[in-house]
């Protein structure tokens, strides 16, 4: 049980729950999802939190998808 806890604790540290403050504008490609955008533009953040912020930034309704060609503001991780 302790080993499992340590392993999960190590995995949790690999992803930050903080969403980048910096944003950028992207155009959604065919077949791309908000989850894809979150992982691409803020790879070290929790994608669930990034998707939630994309929803807020773009005034999207929960559960709504995005169409190819849509222009969205997304959080962008600054390379270190």
Protein backbone atom coordinates (compact mmCIF):
# COMPACT_ATOMS: atom_id res chain seq x y z
CA UNK A 1 0.00 0.00 0.00
CA UNK A 2 2.86 2.39 0.83
CA UNK A 3 4.60 1.63 -2.47
CA UNK A 4 1.40 2.38 -4.41
CA UNK A 5 1.02 5.66 -2.53
CA UNK A 6 4.60 6.65 -3.29
CA UNK A 7 4.20 5.74 -6.96
CA UNK A 8 0.99 7.74 -7.29
CA UNK A 9 2.53 10.64 -5.41
CA UNK A 10 5.42 10.67 -7.88
CA UNK A 11 3.04 10.72 -10.82
CA UNK A 12 1.05 13.56 -9.34
CA UNK A 13 4.21 15.65 -9.12
CA UNK A 14 4.87 15.18 -12.83
CA UNK A 15 1.82 17.28 -13.79
CA UNK A 16 1.26 20.73 -12.39
CA UNK A 17 -2.26 21.76 -11.52
CA UNK A 18 -1.46 25.38 -12.31
CA UNK A 19 -2.68 26.62 -15.66
CA UNK A 20 -0.37 29.08 -17.43
CA UNK A 21 -1.49 32.71 -17.23
CA UNK A 22 -0.07 33.53 -20.67
CA UNK A 23 -2.47 32.96 -23.55
CA UNK A 24 -2.25 32.67 -27.29
CA UNK A 25 -4.67 32.42 -30.18
CA UNK A 26 -4.97 29.17 -32.13
CA UNK A 27 -7.09 27.87 -34.98
CA UNK A 28 -8.63 24.45 -34.38
CA UNK A 29 -7.56 21.83 -36.94
CA UNK A 30 -9.84 19.13 -38.30
CA UNK A 31 -10.31 16.41 -35.69
CA UNK A 32 -8.66 18.42 -32.90
CA UNK A 33 -10.32 18.55 -29.48
CA UNK A 34 -10.00 20.91 -26.53
CA UNK A 35 -8.11 18.13 -24.76
CA UNK A 36 -5.63 18.02 -27.68
CA UNK A 37 -5.14 21.79 -27.47
CA UNK A 38 -4.61 21.61 -23.72
CA UNK A 39 -1.94 18.90 -24.04
CA UNK A 40 -0.22 20.67 -26.93
CA UNK A 41 -0.07 24.20 -25.53
CA UNK A 42 0.26 23.52 -21.77
CA UNK A 43 1.86 20.05 -21.60
CA UNK A 44 3.00 20.32 -17.98
CA UNK A 45 -0.44 21.29 -16.66
CA UNK A 46 -3.45 19.18 -15.77
CA UNK A 47 -5.34 19.03 -19.09
CA UNK A 48 -8.70 19.06 -17.26
CA UNK A 49 -7.87 22.43 -15.71
CA UNK A 50 -6.59 23.78 -19.04
CA UNK A 51 -9.78 22.69 -20.86
CA UNK A 52 -11.82 24.38 -18.13
CA UNK A 53 -9.86 27.62 -18.65
CA UNK A 54 -10.31 27.39 -22.43
CA UNK A 55 -14.06 27.14 -21.81
CA UNK A 56 -13.97 30.28 -19.63
CA UNK A 57 -11.68 32.28 -21.93
CA UNK A 58 -13.87 31.60 -24.95
CA UNK A 59 -17.25 31.59 -23.18
CA UNK A 60 -17.93 28.04 -24.36
CA UNK A 61 -20.71 26.02 -22.80
CA UNK A 62 -19.68 22.93 -20.84
CA UNK A 63 -19.68 19.83 -22.97
CA UNK A 64 -19.59 21.79 -26.21
CA UNK A 65 -17.18 20.67 -28.86
CA UNK A 66 -15.29 22.90 -31.22
CA UNK A 67 -15.39 22.93 -35.00
CA UNK A 68 -12.39 22.94 -37.29
CA UNK A 69 -11.49 26.51 -38.17
CA UNK A 70 -12.65 27.93 -34.83
CA UNK A 71 -10.28 30.55 -33.43
CA UNK A 72 -9.73 30.13 -29.68
CA UNK A 73 -7.73 31.77 -26.92
CA UNK A 74 -5.78 29.09 -25.03
CA UNK A 75 -3.33 29.04 -22.11
CA UNK A 76 0.24 28.71 -23.39
CA UNK A 77 3.14 27.31 -21.41
CA UNK A 78 6.33 29.35 -21.69
CA UNK A 79 9.34 27.13 -22.46
CA UNK A 80 11.92 27.13 -19.67
